[in-house]
């Protein structure tokens, strides 16, 4: 259960409705999901978050499916059930298959395991990996 009263479209003021309209137009959808309805208790937070999400998730060097799969991976690591489910649905709509999801989650699990091992053993970084492995 949300910690705030969700702001439905019919109850929203003009500033919130404008963001909702942009969300629906951008996503080619006729509804607003609960995440945005929760943020709408603070119209400035809603606008700022939507503008950032819209910019970051837009096609760029990474394609939209890859971005959604990264979002699923981070959400799994952070334990955000809402985000896992919403971004899995978005990734599936962009072509992600069950085997792709399984592989992403296997990578997430392995990365978390090896990250913890490195942290626990306090392994020093190899010189070859410094600065992201760049050779310049």
C-alpha atoms as a PDB file:
ATOM      1  CA  UNK A   1       0.000   0.000   0.000  1.00  0.00           C
ATOM      2  CA  UNK A   2       1.343   3.403  -0.979  1.00  0.00           C
ATOM      3  CA  UNK A   3       2.393   5.808   1.755  1.00  0.00           C
ATOM      4  CA  UNK A   4       0.593   8.652  -0.043  1.00  0.00           C
ATOM      5  CA  UNK A   5      -2.790   8.966  -1.685  1.00  0.00           C
ATOM      6  CA  UNK A   6      -2.351   8.311  -5.392  1.00  0.00           C
ATOM      7  CA  UNK A   7      -3.382  11.246  -7.582  1.00  0.00           C
ATOM      8  CA  UNK A   8      -5.831  10.052 -10.213  1.00  0.00           C
ATOM      9  CA  UNK A   9      -6.105  11.935 -13.498  1.00  0.00           C
ATOM     10  CA  UNK A  10      -9.605  13.191 -12.674  1.00  0.00           C
ATOM     11  CA  UNK A  11      -8.381  14.661  -9.353  1.00  0.00           C
ATOM     12  CA  UNK A  12      -5.178  16.172 -10.740  1.00  0.00           C
ATOM     13  CA  UNK A  13      -4.554  19.855 -11.157  1.00  0.00           C
ATOM     14  CA  UNK A  14      -3.434  21.354 -14.476  1.00  0.00           C
ATOM     15  CA  UNK A  15       0.318  20.957 -13.808  1.00  0.00           C
ATOM     16  CA  UNK A  16      -0.029  17.262 -12.978  1.00  0.00           C
ATOM     17  CA  UNK A  17      -2.443  16.652 -15.856  1.00  0.00           C
ATOM     18  CA  UNK A  18       0.069  18.185 -18.268  1.00  0.00           C
ATOM     19  CA  UNK A  19       2.715  15.686 -17.126  1.00  0.00           C
ATOM     20  CA  UNK A  20       0.225  12.821 -17.233  1.00  0.00           C
ATOM     21  CA  UNK A  21      -0.748  13.819 -20.776  1.00  0.00           C
ATOM     22  CA  UNK A  22       2.918  13.870 -21.804  1.00  0.00           C
ATOM     23  CA  UNK A  23       3.504  10.441 -20.223  1.00  0.00           C
ATOM     24  CA  UNK A  24       0.545   8.953 -22.080  1.00  0.00           C
ATOM     25  CA  UNK A  25       1.520  10.600 -25.386  1.00  0.00           C
ATOM     26  CA  UNK A  26       5.164   9.548 -25.096  1.00  0.00           C
ATOM     27  CA  UNK A  27       4.269   5.992 -24.137  1.00  0.00           C
ATOM     28  CA  UNK A  28       1.317   5.782 -26.537  1.00  0.00           C
ATOM     29  CA  UNK A  29      -0.820   4.675 -23.617  1.00  0.00           C
ATOM     30  CA  UNK A  30      -4.225   5.589 -22.250  1.00  0.00           C
ATOM     31  CA  UNK A  31      -3.401   5.211 -18.537  1.00  0.00           C
ATOM     32  CA  UNK A  32      -0.966   6.384 -15.866  1.00  0.00           C
ATOM     33  CA  UNK A  33       0.751   3.814 -13.668  1.00  0.00           C
ATOM     34  CA  UNK A  34       0.841   4.072  -9.898  1.00  0.00           C
ATOM     35  CA  UNK A  35       4.467   5.235  -9.683  1.00  0.00           C
ATOM     36  CA  UNK A  36       3.604   8.508 -11.382  1.00  0.00           C
ATOM     37  CA  UNK A  37       0.381   8.840  -9.384  1.00  0.00           C
ATOM     38  CA  UNK A  38       2.406   8.625  -6.173  1.00  0.00           C
ATOM     39  CA  UNK A  39       4.937  11.220  -7.320  1.00  0.00           C
ATOM     40  CA  UNK A  40       2.095  13.551  -8.293  1.00  0.00           C
ATOM     41  CA  UNK A  41       1.604  14.527  -4.644  1.00  0.00           C
ATOM     42  CA  UNK A  42       4.542  16.846  -5.411  1.00  0.00           C
ATOM     43  CA  UNK A  43       4.047  18.246  -8.937  1.00  0.00           C
ATOM     44  CA  UNK A  44       7.646  19.503  -9.143  1.00  0.00           C
ATOM     45  CA  UNK A  45       8.988  16.051  -8.220  1.00  0.00           C
ATOM     46  CA  UNK A  46       6.687  14.462 -10.794  1.00  0.00           C
ATOM     47  CA  UNK A  47       7.840  16.834 -13.567  1.00  0.00           C
ATOM     48  CA  UNK A  48      11.539  16.563 -12.700  1.00  0.00           C
ATOM     49  CA  UNK A  49      11.465  12.764 -12.512  1.00  0.00           C
ATOM     50  CA  UNK A  50       9.444  12.376 -15.712  1.00  0.00           C
ATOM     51  CA  UNK A  51      11.744  14.744 -17.610  1.00  0.00           C
ATOM     52  CA  UNK A  52      14.796  12.791 -16.435  1.00  0.00           C
ATOM     53  CA  UNK A  53      13.295   9.373 -17.204  1.00  0.00           C
ATOM     54  CA  UNK A  54      12.148  10.549 -20.618  1.00  0.00           C
ATOM     55  CA  UNK A  55      15.626  11.840 -21.438  1.00  0.00           C
ATOM     56  CA  UNK A  56      17.599   8.877 -20.080  1.00  0.00           C
ATOM     57  CA  UNK A  57      15.323   6.178 -21.528  1.00  0.00           C
ATOM     58  CA  UNK A  58      15.083   7.782 -24.987  1.00  0.00           C
ATOM     59  CA  UNK A  59      16.961   6.065 -27.811  1.00  0.00           C
ATOM     60  CA  UNK A  60      20.624   6.942 -27.750  1.00  0.00           C
ATOM     61  CA  UNK A  61      23.856   5.021 -28.130  1.00  0.00           C
ATOM     62  CA  UNK A  62      22.081   2.214 -26.253  1.00  0.00           C
ATOM     63  CA  UNK A  63      18.875   0.913 -27.794  1.00  0.00           C
ATOM     64  CA  UNK A  64      15.622   1.042 -25.766  1.00  0.00           C
ATOM     65  CA  UNK A  65      15.582  -2.735 -25.108  1.00  0.00           C
ATOM     66  CA  UNK A  66      19.097  -2.656 -23.654  1.00  0.00           C
ATOM     67  CA  UNK A  67      18.135   0.267 -21.423  1.00  0.00           C
ATOM     68  CA  UNK A  68      15.059  -1.592 -20.147  1.00  0.00           C
ATOM     69  CA  UNK A  69      17.125  -4.719 -19.478  1.00  0.00           C
ATOM     70  CA  UNK A  70      19.655  -2.648 -17.502  1.00  0.00           C
ATOM     71  CA  UNK A  71      16.735  -1.160 -15.564  1.00  0.00           C
ATOM     72  CA  UNK A  72      15.506  -4.700 -14.753  1.00  0.00           C
ATOM     73  CA  UNK A  73      19.009  -5.692 -13.627  1.00  0.00           C
ATOM     74  CA  UNK A  74      19.428  -2.709 -11.309  1.00  0.00           C
ATOM     75  CA  UNK A  75      15.888  -3.134  -9.987  1.00  0.00           C
ATOM     76  CA  UNK A  76      16.587  -6.785  -9.176  1.00  0.00           C
ATOM     77  CA  UNK A  77      19.753  -5.822  -7.319  1.00  0.00           C
ATOM     78  CA  UNK A  78      17.918  -3.088  -5.409  1.00  0.00           C
ATOM     79  CA  UNK A  79      14.983  -5.382  -4.617  1.00  0.00           C
ATOM     80  CA  UNK A  80      12.359  -3.089  -6.159  1.00  0.00           C
ATOM     81  CA  UNK A  81       9.466  -5.410  -7.001  1.00  0.00           C
ATOM     82  CA  UNK A  82       7.484  -2.621  -8.646  1.00  0.00           C
ATOM     83  CA  UNK A  83      10.390  -1.677 -10.914  1.00  0.00           C
ATOM     84  CA  UNK A  84      11.268  -5.289 -11.721  1.00  0.00           C
ATOM     85  CA  UNK A  85       7.724  -5.918 -12.898  1.00  0.00           C
ATOM     86  CA  UNK A  86       7.131  -2.637 -14.721  1.00  0.00           C
ATOM     87  CA  UNK A  87      10.456  -2.691 -16.560  1.00  0.00           C
ATOM     88  CA  UNK A  88      10.191  -6.405 -17.344  1.00  0.00           C
ATOM     89  CA  UNK A  89       6.857  -5.604 -18.998  1.00  0.00           C
ATOM     90  CA  UNK A  90       8.468  -2.704 -20.893  1.00  0.00           C
ATOM     91  CA  UNK A  91      11.414  -4.890 -21.968  1.00  0.00           C
ATOM     92  CA  UNK A  92       9.055  -7.654 -23.127  1.00  0.00           C
ATOM     93  CA  UNK A  93       7.143  -5.086 -25.185  1.00  0.00           C
ATOM     94  CA  UNK A  94      10.472  -4.191 -26.826  1.00  0.00           C
ATOM     95  CA  UNK A  95      11.297  -7.827 -27.599  1.00  0.00           C
ATOM     96  CA  UNK A  96      12.893  -9.354 -24.520  1.00  0.00           C
ATOM     97  CA  UNK A  97      12.334 -13.099 -24.328  1.00  0.00           C
ATOM     98  CA  UNK A  98      12.322 -15.426 -21.310  1.00  0.00           C
ATOM     99  CA  UNK A  99      15.846 -16.678 -22.126  1.00  0.00           C
ATOM    100  CA  UNK A 100      17.080 -13.074 -22.347  1.00  0.00           C
ATOM    101  CA  UNK A 101      15.554 -12.275 -18.935  1.00  0.00           C
ATOM    102  CA  UNK A 102      17.101 -15.410 -17.460  1.00  0.00           C
ATOM    103  CA  UNK A 103      20.517 -14.442 -18.814  1.00  0.00           C
ATOM    104  CA  UNK A 104      20.239 -10.874 -17.510  1.00  0.00           C
ATOM    105  CA  UNK A 105      19.310 -12.163 -14.053  1.00  0.00           C
ATOM    106  CA  UNK A 106      22.156 -14.713 -14.150  1.00  0.00           C
ATOM    107  CA  UNK A 107      24.604 -11.885 -14.909  1.00  0.00           C
ATOM    108  CA  UNK A 108      23.087  -9.819 -12.076  1.00  0.00           C
ATOM    109  CA  UNK A 109      23.470 -12.728  -9.663  1.00  0.00           C
ATOM    110  CA  UNK A 110      27.051 -13.403 -10.709  1.00  0.00           C
ATOM    111  CA  UNK A 111      28.008  -9.715 -10.551  1.00  0.00           C
ATOM    112  CA  UNK A 112      26.539  -9.412  -7.064  1.00  0.00           C
ATOM    113  CA  UNK A 113      28.371 -12.537  -5.910  1.00  0.00           C
ATOM    114  CA  UNK A 114      31.754 -11.528  -7.309  1.00  0.00           C
ATOM    115  CA  UNK A 115      31.319  -7.926  -6.120  1.00  0.00           C
ATOM    116  CA  UNK A 116      30.783  -9.184  -2.568  1.00  0.00           C
ATOM    117  CA  UNK A 117      33.769 -11.527  -2.806  1.00  0.00           C
ATOM    118  CA  UNK A 118      36.016  -8.685  -3.980  1.00  0.00           C
ATOM    119  CA  UNK A 119      34.720  -6.449  -1.205  1.00  0.00           C
ATOM    120  CA  UNK A 120      35.068  -9.130   1.445  1.00  0.00           C
ATOM    121  CA  UNK A 121      38.598 -10.037   0.404  1.00  0.00           C
ATOM    122  CA  UNK A 122      39.461  -6.351  -0.142  1.00  0.00           C
ATOM    123  CA  UNK A 123      41.140  -7.220  -3.453  1.00  0.00           C
ATOM    124  CA  UNK A 124      43.323  -4.415  -4.820  1.00  0.00           C
ATOM    125  CA  UNK A 125      42.620  -3.260  -8.360  1.00  0.00           C
ATOM    126  CA  UNK A 126      45.008  -4.513 -11.033  1.00  0.00           C
ATOM    127  CA  UNK A 127      46.910  -1.743 -12.819  1.00  0.00           C
ATOM    128  CA  UNK A 128      45.605  -3.026 -16.168  1.00  0.00           C
ATOM    129  CA  UNK A 129      42.032  -2.278 -15.010  1.00  0.00           C
ATOM    130  CA  UNK A 130      42.690   1.222 -13.695  1.00  0.00           C
ATOM    131  CA  UNK A 131      40.720   3.977 -15.401  1.00  0.00           C
ATOM    132  CA  UNK A 132      38.302   1.453 -16.875  1.00  0.00           C
ATOM    133  CA  UNK A 133      40.969  -0.482 -18.738  1.00  0.00           C
ATOM    134  CA  UNK A 134      41.699   2.417 -21.097  1.00  0.00           C
ATOM    135  CA  UNK A 135      45.060   2.283 -22.821  1.00  0.00           C
ATOM    136  CA  UNK A 136      45.448   6.026 -23.488  1.00  0.00           C
END
